[in-house]
C-alpha atoms as a PDB file:
ATOM      1  CA  MET A   1     155.227 137.094 138.511  1.00  0.00           C
ATOM      2  CA  LYS A   2     154.588 134.259 136.040  1.00  0.00           C
ATOM      3  CA  ASN A   3     156.973 133.922 133.116  1.00  0.00           C
ATOM      4  CA  ILE A   4     155.309 132.826 129.882  1.00  0.00           C
ATOM      5  CA  LEU A   5     156.967 131.949 126.573  1.00  0.00           C
ATOM      6  CA  VAL A   6     155.123 133.198 123.489  1.00  0.00           C
ATOM      7  CA  THR A   7     156.450 131.829 120.204  1.00  0.00           C
ATOM      8  CA  GLY A   8     156.058 133.679 116.929  1.00  0.00           C
ATOM      9  CA  GLY A   9     155.007 136.834 118.715  1.00  0.00           C
ATOM     10  CA  ALA A  10     156.299 139.134 115.963  1.00  0.00           C
ATOM     11  CA  GLY A  11     153.885 137.644 113.450  1.00  0.00           C
ATOM     12  CA  PHE A  12     150.393 138.851 112.691  1.00  0.00           C
ATOM     13  CA  ILE A  13     148.338 137.138 115.400  1.00  0.00           C
ATOM     14  CA  GLY A  14     151.086 137.067 118.027  1.00  0.00           C
ATOM     15  CA  SER A  15     151.869 140.772 117.699  1.00  0.00           C
ATOM     16  CA  ASN A  16     148.216 141.633 118.259  1.00  0.00           C
ATOM     17  CA  PHE A  17     147.996 139.188 121.154  1.00  0.00           C
ATOM     18  CA  ILE A  18     151.049 140.261 123.190  1.00  0.00           C
ATOM     19  CA  PRO A  19     150.049 143.915 123.833  1.00  0.00           C
ATOM     20  CA  PHE A  20     146.538 142.768 124.766  1.00  0.00           C
ATOM     21  CA  PHE A  21     147.841 140.006 127.037  1.00  0.00           C
ATOM     22  CA  LEU A  22     150.324 142.272 128.852  1.00  0.00           C
ATOM     23  CA  GLU A  23     147.666 144.903 129.455  1.00  0.00           C
ATOM     24  CA  LYS A  24     145.105 142.392 130.706  1.00  0.00           C
ATOM     25  CA  ASN A  25     147.420 140.217 132.816  1.00  0.00           C
ATOM     26  CA  LYS A  26     149.584 142.422 135.027  1.00  0.00           C
ATOM     27  CA  ASP A  27     151.112 139.437 136.834  1.00  0.00           C
ATOM     28  CA  TYR A  28     152.769 138.001 133.705  1.00  0.00           C
ATOM     29  CA  TYR A  29     156.202 138.496 132.171  1.00  0.00           C
ATOM     30  CA  VAL A  30     156.279 137.653 128.441  1.00  0.00           C
ATOM     31  CA  ILE A  31     159.309 136.220 126.637  1.00  0.00           C
ATOM     32  CA  ASN A  32     158.715 136.424 122.893  1.00  0.00           C
ATOM     33  CA  LEU A  33     160.730 133.914 120.828  1.00  0.00           C
ATOM     34  CA  ASP A  34     160.622 134.666 117.108  1.00  0.00           C
ATOM     35  CA  LEU A  35     163.048 133.921 114.277  1.00  0.00           C
ATOM     36  CA  LEU A  36     161.920 137.030 112.353  1.00  0.00           C
ATOM     37  CA  THR A  37     161.506 135.231 109.050  1.00  0.00           C
ATOM     38  CA  TYR A  38     159.737 137.105 106.249  1.00  0.00           C
ATOM     39  CA  ALA A  39     156.404 136.857 108.140  1.00  0.00           C
ATOM     40  CA  GLY A  40     157.746 138.266 111.418  1.00  0.00           C
ATOM     41  CA  ASN A  41     158.388 141.961 111.892  1.00  0.00           C
ATOM     42  CA  SER A  42     159.831 143.544 115.033  1.00  0.00           C
ATOM     43  CA  ASP A  43     158.065 146.812 114.110  1.00  0.00           C
ATOM     44  CA  ASN A  44     154.801 145.026 114.906  1.00  0.00           C
ATOM     45  CA  LEU A  45     155.695 145.218 118.609  1.00  0.00           C
ATOM     46  CA  LYS A  46     156.917 148.776 118.995  1.00  0.00           C
ATOM     47  CA  GLU A  47     154.163 149.475 121.540  1.00  0.00           C
ATOM     48  CA  VAL A  48     155.667 146.978 124.001  1.00  0.00           C
ATOM     49  CA  GLU A  49     159.394 147.543 123.404  1.00  0.00           C
ATOM     50  CA  GLY A  50     159.756 149.568 126.598  1.00  0.00           C
ATOM     51  CA  ASN A  51     157.504 147.360 128.706  1.00  0.00           C
ATOM     52  CA  ALA A  52     159.328 146.130 131.824  1.00  0.00           C
ATOM     53  CA  ARG A  53     157.426 142.826 131.605  1.00  0.00           C
ATOM     54  CA  TYR A  54     158.519 141.999 128.063  1.00  0.00           C
ATOM     55  CA  THR A  55     161.642 140.484 126.503  1.00  0.00           C
ATOM     56  CA  PHE A  56     162.270 139.669 122.852  1.00  0.00           C
ATOM     57  CA  VAL A  57     164.551 136.794 121.862  1.00  0.00           C
ATOM     58  CA  LYS A  58     165.446 136.179 118.226  1.00  0.00           C
ATOM     59  CA  GLY A  59     165.677 132.446 117.668  1.00  0.00           C
ATOM     60  CA  ASP A  60     164.322 129.254 116.164  1.00  0.00           C
ATOM     61  CA  ILE A  61     161.761 127.077 117.963  1.00  0.00           C
ATOM     62  CA  CYS A  62     163.584 124.064 116.460  1.00  0.00           C
ATOM     63  CA  ASP A  63     166.788 125.024 118.318  1.00  0.00           C
ATOM     64  CA  ARG A  64     166.451 122.723 121.315  1.00  0.00           C
ATOM     65  CA  ALA A  65     169.463 124.125 123.160  1.00  0.00           C
ATOM     66  CA  LEU A  66     168.043 127.644 122.899  1.00  0.00           C
ATOM     67  CA  VAL A  67     164.578 126.582 124.021  1.00  0.00           C
ATOM     68  CA  GLU A  68     166.041 124.692 126.994  1.00  0.00           C
ATOM     69  CA  SER A  69     168.131 127.720 127.967  1.00  0.00           C
ATOM     70  CA  LEU A  70     165.062 129.978 127.928  1.00  0.00           C
ATOM     71  CA  PHE A  71     163.055 127.564 130.102  1.00  0.00           C
ATOM     72  CA  GLU A  72     165.897 127.440 132.619  1.00  0.00           C
ATOM     73  CA  LYS A  73     166.836 131.132 132.579  1.00  0.00           C
ATOM     74  CA  PHE A  74     163.267 132.415 132.920  1.00  0.00           C
ATOM     75  CA  ASN A  75     161.687 129.477 134.800  1.00  0.00           C
ATOM     76  CA  ILE A  76     158.956 129.308 132.142  1.00  0.00           C
ATOM     77  CA  SER A  77     155.560 128.427 133.604  1.00  0.00           C
ATOM     78  CA  GLY A  78     153.540 128.507 130.397  1.00  0.00           C
ATOM     79  CA  VAL A  79     153.789 128.449 126.609  1.00  0.00           C
ATOM     80  CA  ILE A  80     151.476 130.012 124.045  1.00  0.00           C
ATOM     81  CA  HIS A  81     152.632 128.640 120.712  1.00  0.00           C
ATOM     82  CA  PHE A  82     151.840 130.758 117.638  1.00  0.00           C
ATOM     83  CA  ALA A  83     155.029 130.211 115.626  1.00  0.00           C
ATOM     84  CA  ALA A  84     154.254 128.520 112.313  1.00  0.00           C
ATOM     85  CA  GLU A  85     154.666 128.707 108.586  1.00  0.00           C
ATOM     86  CA  SER A  86     151.124 129.537 107.512  1.00  0.00           C
ATOM     87  CA  HIS A  87     150.782 130.660 103.871  1.00  0.00           C
ATOM     88  CA  VAL A  88     149.140 127.891 101.851  1.00  0.00           C
ATOM     89  CA  ASP A  89     150.607 129.008  98.512  1.00  0.00           C
ATOM     90  CA  ASN A  90     154.113 128.810  99.971  1.00  0.00           C
ATOM     91  CA  SER A  91     153.407 125.323 101.321  1.00  0.00           C
ATOM     92  CA  ILE A  92     152.512 124.183  97.803  1.00  0.00           C
ATOM     93  CA  SER A  93     155.761 125.478  96.291  1.00  0.00           C
ATOM     94  CA  SER A  94     158.078 124.819  99.266  1.00  0.00           C
ATOM     95  CA  PRO A  95     156.578 122.321 101.727  1.00  0.00           C
ATOM     96  CA  GLU A  96     159.855 121.508 103.492  1.00  0.00           C
ATOM     97  CA  ALA A  97     159.800 124.614 105.688  1.00  0.00           C
ATOM     98  CA  PHE A  98     156.290 123.769 106.865  1.00  0.00           C
ATOM     99  CA  ILE A  99     157.268 120.267 107.946  1.00  0.00           C
ATOM    100  CA  HIS A 100     160.372 121.575 109.712  1.00  0.00           C
ATOM    101  CA  THR A 101     158.793 124.451 111.624  1.00  0.00           C
ATOM    102  CA  ASN A 102     155.255 123.287 112.237  1.00  0.00           C
ATOM    103  CA  ILE A 103     155.996 119.682 113.155  1.00  0.00           C
ATOM    104  CA  ASN A 104     159.585 119.598 114.424  1.00  0.00           C
ATOM    105  CA  GLY A 105     159.298 122.985 116.111  1.00  0.00           C
ATOM    106  CA  THR A 106     156.135 122.039 117.973  1.00  0.00           C
ATOM    107  CA  PHE A 107     157.715 118.763 119.074  1.00  0.00           C
ATOM    108  CA  THR A 108     160.816 120.559 120.363  1.00  0.00           C
ATOM    109  CA  LEU A 109     158.790 123.005 122.444  1.00  0.00           C
ATOM    110  CA  LEU A 110     156.517 120.287 123.819  1.00  0.00           C
ATOM    111  CA  ASP A 111     159.319 117.942 124.712  1.00  0.00           C
ATOM    112  CA  VAL A 112     161.397 120.601 126.441  1.00  0.00           C
ATOM    113  CA  ALA A 113     158.320 121.688 128.414  1.00  0.00           C
ATOM    114  CA  ARG A 114     157.582 118.088 129.397  1.00  0.00           C
ATOM    115  CA  ARG A 115     161.101 117.471 130.665  1.00  0.00           C
ATOM    116  CA  GLN A 116     161.168 120.782 132.527  1.00  0.00           C
ATOM    117  CA  TRP A 117     157.747 120.400 134.127  1.00  0.00           C
ATOM    118  CA  MET A 118     157.322 116.649 134.660  1.00  0.00           C
ATOM    119  CA  SER A 119     159.371 114.010 136.478  1.00  0.00           C
ATOM    120  CA  ALA A 120     157.582 111.056 134.843  1.00  0.00           C
ATOM    121  CA  PRO A 121     154.368 110.356 132.907  1.00  0.00           C
ATOM    122  CA  PHE A 122     151.444 111.811 134.871  1.00  0.00           C
ATOM    123  CA  GLU A 123     153.819 113.111 137.547  1.00  0.00           C
ATOM    124  CA  VAL A 124     154.196 116.898 137.570  1.00  0.00           C
ATOM    125  CA  LYS A 125     157.082 118.364 139.517  1.00  0.00           C
ATOM    126  CA  SER A 126     155.767 119.892 142.720  1.00  0.00           C
ATOM    127  CA  GLU A 127     156.710 123.461 141.835  1.00  0.00           C
ATOM    128  CA  LYS A 128     155.333 123.114 138.269  1.00  0.00           C
ATOM    129  CA  ASN A 129     151.672 122.486 139.060  1.00  0.00           C
ATOM    130  CA  GLY A 130     149.471 124.638 136.847  1.00  0.00           C
ATOM    131  CA  ASN A 131     152.048 125.050 134.077  1.00  0.00           C
ATOM    132  CA  ARG A 132     150.320 124.882 130.701  1.00  0.00           C
ATOM    133  CA  PHE A 133     151.119 124.576 126.994  1.00  0.00           C
ATOM    134  CA  LEU A 134     148.594 126.183 124.611  1.00  0.00           C
ATOM    135  CA  HIS A 135     148.921 125.274 120.939  1.00  0.00           C
ATOM    136  CA  VAL A 136     147.380 127.640 118.371  1.00  0.00           C
ATOM    137  CA  SER A 137     146.117 125.868 115.251  1.00  0.00           C
ATOM    138  CA  THR A 138     143.734 126.340 112.329  1.00  0.00           C
ATOM    139  CA  ASP A 139     140.380 125.168 110.980  1.00  0.00           C
ATOM    140  CA  GLU A 140     142.157 124.025 107.819  1.00  0.00           C
ATOM    141  CA  VAL A 141     143.067 120.747 109.555  1.00  0.00           C
ATOM    142  CA  TYR A 142     139.426 119.679 109.083  1.00  0.00           C
ATOM    143  CA  GLY A 143     139.552 119.885 105.286  1.00  0.00           C
ATOM    144  CA  SER A 144     136.716 121.275 103.202  1.00  0.00           C
ATOM    145  CA  LEU A 145     132.999 121.607 103.923  1.00  0.00           C
ATOM    146  CA  GLY A 146     130.097 121.372 101.513  1.00  0.00           C
ATOM    147  CA  SER A 147     127.512 124.124 101.241  1.00  0.00           C
ATOM    148  CA  GLU A 148     126.149 123.292 104.705  1.00  0.00           C
ATOM    149  CA  GLY A 149     127.481 122.245 108.092  1.00  0.00           C
ATOM    150  CA  LEU A 150     130.143 123.524 110.487  1.00  0.00           C
ATOM    151  CA  PHE A 151     133.447 122.279 111.861  1.00  0.00           C
ATOM    152  CA  THR A 152     133.188 121.147 115.481  1.00  0.00           C
ATOM    153  CA  GLU A 153     135.870 119.865 117.808  1.00  0.00           C
ATOM    154  CA  ALA A 154     134.720 116.326 116.882  1.00  0.00           C
ATOM    155  CA  THR A 155     135.107 116.791 113.118  1.00  0.00           C
ATOM    156  CA  PRO A 156     137.604 114.244 111.729  1.00  0.00           C
ATOM    157  CA  TYR A 157     140.859 115.662 110.416  1.00  0.00           C
ATOM    158  CA  ALA A 158     141.177 115.737 106.608  1.00  0.00           C
ATOM    159  CA  PRO A 159     143.923 118.249 105.691  1.00  0.00           C
ATOM    160  CA  ASN A 160     144.303 118.976 101.979  1.00  0.00           C
ATOM    161  CA  SER A 161     147.475 121.094 101.705  1.00  0.00           C
ATOM    162  CA  PRO A 162     151.023 120.640 103.002  1.00  0.00           C
ATOM    163  CA  TYR A 163     150.328 123.560 105.358  1.00  0.00           C
ATOM    164  CA  SER A 164     147.180 122.061 106.872  1.00  0.00           C
ATOM    165  CA  ALA A 165     148.776 118.609 106.979  1.00  0.00           C
ATOM    166  CA  SER A 166     151.717 120.000 108.965  1.00  0.00           C
ATOM    167  CA  LYS A 167     149.359 121.750 111.389  1.00  0.00           C
ATOM    168  CA  ALA A 168     147.232 118.615 111.759  1.00  0.00           C
ATOM    169  CA  SER A 169     150.404 116.668 112.549  1.00  0.00           C
ATOM    170  CA  SER A 170     151.398 119.170 115.207  1.00  0.00           C
ATOM    171  CA  ASP A 171     147.903 119.053 116.732  1.00  0.00           C
ATOM    172  CA  LEU A 172     148.153 115.274 117.047  1.00  0.00           C
ATOM    173  CA  ILE A 173     151.577 115.484 118.684  1.00  0.00           C
ATOM    174  CA  VAL A 174     150.113 117.885 121.255  1.00  0.00           C
ATOM    175  CA  ARG A 175     147.228 115.483 121.823  1.00  0.00           C
ATOM    176  CA  SER A 176     149.644 112.586 122.334  1.00  0.00           C
ATOM    177  CA  TYR A 177     151.527 114.458 125.060  1.00  0.00           C
ATOM    178  CA  PHE A 178     148.288 114.744 127.019  1.00  0.00           C
ATOM    179  CA  HIS A 179     147.267 111.117 126.628  1.00  0.00           C
ATOM    180  CA  THR A 180     150.751 109.591 126.990  1.00  0.00           C
ATOM    181  CA  TYR A 181     152.333 111.869 129.599  1.00  0.00           C
ATOM    182  CA  GLY A 182     149.386 113.637 131.210  1.00  0.00           C
ATOM    183  CA  MET A 183     150.855 116.988 130.168  1.00  0.00           C
ATOM    184  CA  ASN A 184     148.676 120.078 130.675  1.00  0.00           C
ATOM    185  CA  VAL A 185     147.972 121.061 127.060  1.00  0.00           C
ATOM    186  CA  VAL A 186     145.167 122.918 125.308  1.00  0.00           C
ATOM    187  CA  THR A 187     144.661 123.357 121.551  1.00  0.00           C
ATOM    188  CA  THR A 188     142.718 126.087 119.769  1.00  0.00           C
ATOM    189  CA  ASN A 189     141.662 125.922 116.122  1.00  0.00           C
ATOM    190  CA  CYS A 190     140.671 129.234 114.587  1.00  0.00           C
ATOM    191  CA  SER A 191     138.993 130.441 111.416  1.00  0.00           C
ATOM    192  CA  ASN A 192     140.552 132.993 109.041  1.00  0.00           C
ATOM    193  CA  ASN A 193     141.970 135.950 110.969  1.00  0.00           C
ATOM    194  CA  TYR A 194     142.083 139.520 109.692  1.00  0.00           C
ATOM    195  CA  GLY A 195     143.033 142.881 111.167  1.00  0.00           C
ATOM    196  CA  PRO A 196     146.016 145.199 111.653  1.00  0.00           C
ATOM    197  CA  LYS A 197     149.592 144.011 111.060  1.00  0.00           C
ATOM    198  CA  GLN A 198     148.726 141.124 108.732  1.00  0.00           C
ATOM    199  CA  HIS A 199     151.397 140.168 106.199  1.00  0.00           C
ATOM    200  CA  ASN A 200     150.987 141.556 102.681  1.00  0.00           C
ATOM    201  CA  GLU A 201     150.695 138.077 101.135  1.00  0.00           C
ATOM    202  CA  LYS A 202     147.315 137.334 102.777  1.00  0.00           C
ATOM    203  CA  LEU A 203     143.983 137.962 101.021  1.00  0.00           C
ATOM    204  CA  ILE A 204     142.687 141.123 102.699  1.00  0.00           C
ATOM    205  CA  PRO A 205     146.018 143.023 102.754  1.00  0.00           C
ATOM    206  CA  THR A 206     146.576 141.983  99.128  1.00  0.00           C
ATOM    207  CA  ILE A 207     143.202 143.384  98.089  1.00  0.00           C
ATOM    208  CA  ILE A 208     143.864 146.693  99.862  1.00  0.00           C
ATOM    209  CA  ARG A 209     147.447 146.990  98.620  1.00  0.00           C
ATOM    210  CA  LYS A 210     146.645 146.145  95.001  1.00  0.00           C
ATOM    211  CA  ALA A 211     143.628 148.435  94.949  1.00  0.00           C
ATOM    212  CA  LEU A 212     145.508 151.471  96.255  1.00  0.00           C
ATOM    213  CA  SER A 213     148.452 150.896  93.911  1.00  0.00           C
ATOM    214  CA  GLY A 214     146.219 150.670  90.841  1.00  0.00           C
ATOM    215  CA  GLN A 215     147.165 147.058  90.111  1.00  0.00           C
ATOM    216  CA  PRO A 216     144.878 144.146  89.213  1.00  0.00           C
ATOM    217  CA  ILE A 217     143.304 142.620  92.345  1.00  0.00           C
ATOM    218  CA  PRO A 218     143.762 138.831  91.960  1.00  0.00           C
ATOM    219  CA  ILE A 219     140.976 136.492  93.130  1.00  0.00           C
ATOM    220  CA  TYR A 220     141.344 132.729  92.772  1.00  0.00           C
ATOM    221  CA  GLY A 221     138.938 130.773  90.560  1.00  0.00           C
ATOM    222  CA  ASP A 222     135.329 131.965  90.602  1.00  0.00           C
ATOM    223  CA  GLY A 223     135.727 133.823  93.904  1.00  0.00           C
ATOM    224  CA  LEU A 224     133.058 131.685  95.595  1.00  0.00           C
ATOM    225  CA  ASN A 225     135.328 129.947  98.107  1.00  0.00           C
ATOM    226  CA  VAL A 226     133.864 130.597 101.566  1.00  0.00           C
ATOM    227  CA  ARG A 227     135.746 131.388 104.762  1.00  0.00           C
ATOM    228  CA  ASP A 228     134.624 132.247 108.291  1.00  0.00           C
ATOM    229  CA  TRP A 229     136.327 135.526 109.238  1.00  0.00           C
ATOM    230  CA  LEU A 230     137.546 136.296 112.769  1.00  0.00           C
ATOM    231  CA  TYR A 231     138.902 139.665 113.887  1.00  0.00           C
ATOM    232  CA  VAL A 232     142.393 139.107 115.268  1.00  0.00           C
ATOM    233  CA  LEU A 233     141.806 140.699 118.681  1.00  0.00           C
ATOM    234  CA  ASP A 234     138.703 138.551 119.203  1.00  0.00           C
ATOM    235  CA  HIS A 235     140.931 135.543 118.513  1.00  0.00           C
ATOM    236  CA  GLY A 236     143.444 136.810 121.074  1.00  0.00           C
ATOM    237  CA  LYS A 237     140.729 137.130 123.699  1.00  0.00           C
ATOM    238  CA  GLY A 238     139.679 133.545 123.018  1.00  0.00           C
ATOM    239  CA  ILE A 239     143.247 132.305 123.388  1.00  0.00           C
ATOM    240  CA  ASP A 240     143.606 134.136 126.704  1.00  0.00           C
ATOM    241  CA  LEU A 241     140.423 132.484 127.977  1.00  0.00           C
ATOM    242  CA  ALA A 242     141.448 129.022 126.752  1.00  0.00           C
ATOM    243  CA  TYR A 243     144.861 129.406 128.385  1.00  0.00           C
ATOM    244  CA  HIS A 244     143.473 130.450 131.761  1.00  0.00           C
ATOM    245  CA  LYS A 245     140.159 128.590 131.907  1.00  0.00           C
ATOM    246  CA  GLY A 246     140.279 125.792 129.334  1.00  0.00           C
ATOM    247  CA  LYS A 247     140.244 122.181 130.431  1.00  0.00           C
ATOM    248  CA  ALA A 248     143.515 120.260 130.049  1.00  0.00           C
ATOM    249  CA  GLY A 249     143.564 118.026 126.980  1.00  0.00           C
ATOM    250  CA  GLU A 250     140.667 119.830 125.324  1.00  0.00           C
ATOM    251  CA  THR A 251     140.360 121.551 121.950  1.00  0.00           C
ATOM    252  CA  TYR A 252     138.424 124.797 121.470  1.00  0.00           C
ATOM    253  CA  ASN A 253     137.334 126.049 118.048  1.00  0.00           C
ATOM    254  CA  ILE A 254     137.358 129.848 117.763  1.00  0.00           C
ATOM    255  CA  GLY A 255     135.303 131.272 114.900  1.00  0.00           C
ATOM    256  CA  GLY A 256     133.708 134.583 114.090  1.00  0.00           C
ATOM    257  CA  ARG A 257     130.411 133.290 112.631  1.00  0.00           C
ATOM    258  CA  ASN A 258     131.100 135.591 109.677  1.00  0.00           C
ATOM    259  CA  GLU A 259     131.024 133.487 106.516  1.00  0.00           C
ATOM    260  CA  ARG A 260     131.872 135.364 103.347  1.00  0.00           C
ATOM    261  CA  THR A 261     132.870 134.363  99.824  1.00  0.00           C
ATOM    262  CA  ASN A 262     136.102 135.833  98.495  1.00  0.00           C
ATOM    263  CA  LYS A 263     133.966 137.730  95.980  1.00  0.00           C
ATOM    264  CA  GLU A 264     131.978 139.309  98.825  1.00  0.00           C
ATOM    265  CA  ILE A 265     135.202 140.221 100.621  1.00  0.00           C
ATOM    266  CA  VAL A 266     136.754 141.989  97.632  1.00  0.00           C
ATOM    267  CA  ASN A 267     133.531 143.830  96.767  1.00  0.00           C
ATOM    268  CA  THR A 268     133.092 145.035 100.364  1.00  0.00           C
ATOM    269  CA  ILE A 269     136.669 146.303 100.575  1.00  0.00           C
ATOM    270  CA  CYS A 270     136.395 148.073  97.209  1.00  0.00           C
ATOM    271  CA  GLU A 271     133.182 149.800  98.281  1.00  0.00           C
ATOM    272  CA  ILE A 272     134.758 151.019 101.533  1.00  0.00           C
ATOM    273  CA  LEU A 273     137.841 152.261  99.681  1.00  0.00           C
ATOM    274  CA  ASP A 274     135.597 153.983  97.120  1.00  0.00           C
ATOM    275  CA  ALA A 275     134.147 155.995 100.006  1.00  0.00           C
ATOM    276  CA  LYS A 276     137.281 156.498 102.119  1.00  0.00           C
ATOM    277  CA  ARG A 277     139.918 157.002  99.422  1.00  0.00           C
ATOM    278  CA  PRO A 278     138.305 157.386  95.983  1.00  0.00           C
ATOM    279  CA  ARG A 279     140.294 156.735  92.823  1.00  0.00           C
ATOM    280  CA  ALA A 280     141.490 159.868  91.067  1.00  0.00           C
ATOM    281  CA  ASP A 281     139.412 158.990  87.984  1.00  0.00           C
ATOM    282  CA  GLY A 282     136.252 158.588  90.052  1.00  0.00           C
ATOM    283  CA  LYS A 283     135.789 154.947  89.039  1.00  0.00           C
ATOM    284  CA  SER A 284     135.285 152.085  91.467  1.00  0.00           C
ATOM    285  CA  TYR A 285     138.169 149.919  92.637  1.00  0.00           C
ATOM    286  CA  LYS A 286     135.978 146.988  91.552  1.00  0.00           C
ATOM    287  CA  GLN A 287     137.238 147.577  88.007  1.00  0.00           C
ATOM    288  CA  GLN A 288     140.622 146.227  89.146  1.00  0.00           C
ATOM    289  CA  ILE A 289     139.225 142.835  90.223  1.00  0.00           C
ATOM    290  CA  THR A 290     140.777 140.035  88.155  1.00  0.00           C
ATOM    291  CA  TYR A 291     139.974 136.331  88.415  1.00  0.00           C
ATOM    292  CA  VAL A 292     143.061 134.140  88.155  1.00  0.00           C
ATOM    293  CA  LYS A 293     143.759 130.380  87.937  1.00  0.00           C
ATOM    294  CA  ASP A 294     142.587 128.627  91.078  1.00  0.00           C
ATOM    295  CA  ARG A 295     145.024 127.453  93.748  1.00  0.00           C
ATOM    296  CA  ALA A 296     145.916 123.756  93.688  1.00  0.00           C
ATOM    297  CA  GLY A 297     143.794 121.829  96.202  1.00  0.00           C
ATOM    298  CA  HIS A 298     141.810 124.948  97.112  1.00  0.00           C
ATOM    299  CA  ASP A 299     139.291 124.036  99.853  1.00  0.00           C
ATOM    300  CA  ARG A 300     135.807 125.262  98.968  1.00  0.00           C
ATOM    301  CA  ARG A 301     134.401 126.238 102.344  1.00  0.00           C
ATOM    302  CA  TYR A 302     135.420 126.508 106.005  1.00  0.00           C
ATOM    303  CA  ALA A 303     133.079 127.431 108.832  1.00  0.00           C
ATOM    304  CA  ILE A 304     133.506 126.940 112.564  1.00  0.00           C
ATOM    305  CA  ASP A 305     130.952 126.087 115.234  1.00  0.00           C
ATOM    306  CA  ALA A 306     132.255 128.052 118.237  1.00  0.00           C
ATOM    307  CA  THR A 307     129.537 126.813 120.611  1.00  0.00           C
ATOM    308  CA  LYS A 308     131.973 125.022 122.928  1.00  0.00           C
ATOM    309  CA  ILE A 309     134.148 128.050 123.726  1.00  0.00           C
ATOM    310  CA  GLU A 310     131.092 130.321 123.784  1.00  0.00           C
ATOM    311  CA  THR A 311     129.290 128.211 126.369  1.00  0.00           C
ATOM    312  CA  GLU A 312     132.078 126.643 128.440  1.00  0.00           C
ATOM    313  CA  LEU A 313     134.442 129.640 128.579  1.00  0.00           C
ATOM    314  CA  VAL A 314     131.867 132.409 127.933  1.00  0.00           C
ATOM    315  CA  TRP A 315     133.664 133.798 124.888  1.00  0.00           C
ATOM    316  CA  SER A 316     132.053 135.787 122.101  1.00  0.00           C
ATOM    317  CA  ALA A 317     133.394 137.898 119.257  1.00  0.00           C
ATOM    318  CA  ASP A 318     133.118 141.629 119.836  1.00  0.00           C
ATOM    319  CA  GLU A 319     133.445 142.435 116.123  1.00  0.00           C
ATOM    320  CA  ASN A 320     131.239 141.346 113.258  1.00  0.00           C
ATOM    321  CA  PHE A 321     132.756 141.487 109.786  1.00  0.00           C
ATOM    322  CA  GLU A 322     131.286 144.905 109.016  1.00  0.00           C
ATOM    323  CA  SER A 323     132.853 146.556 112.076  1.00  0.00           C
ATOM    324  CA  GLY A 324     136.112 144.610 111.921  1.00  0.00           C
ATOM    325  CA  ILE A 325     136.825 145.307 108.261  1.00  0.00           C
ATOM    326  CA  LEU A 326     136.303 149.038 108.811  1.00  0.00           C
ATOM    327  CA  LYS A 327     138.903 148.998 111.607  1.00  0.00           C
ATOM    328  CA  THR A 328     141.244 146.966 109.442  1.00  0.00           C
ATOM    329  CA  ILE A 329     141.015 149.234 106.412  1.00  0.00           C
ATOM    330  CA  SER A 330     141.435 152.337 108.588  1.00  0.00           C
ATOM    331  CA  TRP A 331     144.674 150.844 109.957  1.00  0.00           C
ATOM    332  CA  TYR A 332     146.025 150.144 106.478  1.00  0.00           C
ATOM    333  CA  LEU A 333     145.098 153.662 105.379  1.00  0.00           C
ATOM    334  CA  GLY A 334     147.282 155.083 108.106  1.00  0.00           C
ATOM    335  CA  GLY A 335     145.015 155.365 111.120  1.00  0.00           C
ATOM    336  CA  LYS A 336     147.275 153.060 113.094  1.00  0.00           C
END
């Protein structure tokens, strides 16, 4: 049995990943370390609470003594690192938490893993061969695209928010541990995730929640900001592949090839809700759409070229946006 540490597993992406990972990989024991801040919810993992190959630990990834104790107690052979502050609006109003968690937390995990697994630079302890650290990051580290082009793994970093700057910093620390110490690390950068269990503050849950409650549905600026949307379970499958088959020191971009403007997203969701749960007055939920002042430093467009992971690791998204958004809305309507 291999013991793997998953950080931030009670958050949106982690809580979708852990049940999938446990079901797919019967030879793994998962230790989930999560501080359960506002974005983490233990209810997200009810389906694995009784699993004999799963343990939850409430704690901070910046707590070095705790992280060291978990590595020693469980003889950790791998890390999949989701834990991060991730809401851009919050990073604009309170950037300190993003620097603390995303940079210092990643460093703590990496450095503990290095000392546990390696005896010296480029010298892995004999019983630690194959141990791996996978760092989950975002396409926002690349900055903003024009109307054409795609982010590739070679795109220069140009983060524009405190959130993306903190994630870019953590990516570079991970990179340095490969080049300086020869540590077995892999980084993934994903496009916008959506699906079940996402926190209410994010765009798609906000649209659904505001629509059903009869409140104005807020859309930043002109609504023409473009994002590439990736169904959360497709992301999890890509992470699993990168962890098991990715090349040490490499980065893999995971994107859904589903570019949509925010205006297209809100209109699609309103149309589906009109059909699945019509308003009592018979009018469309689109009447609740309200355009509000744009976010500071709002990147215009993100889009990922996923060719590398598609060709080298034979990954592809199972969901397009049309199928994924139907599953997502059904979950929020109670078909969980």
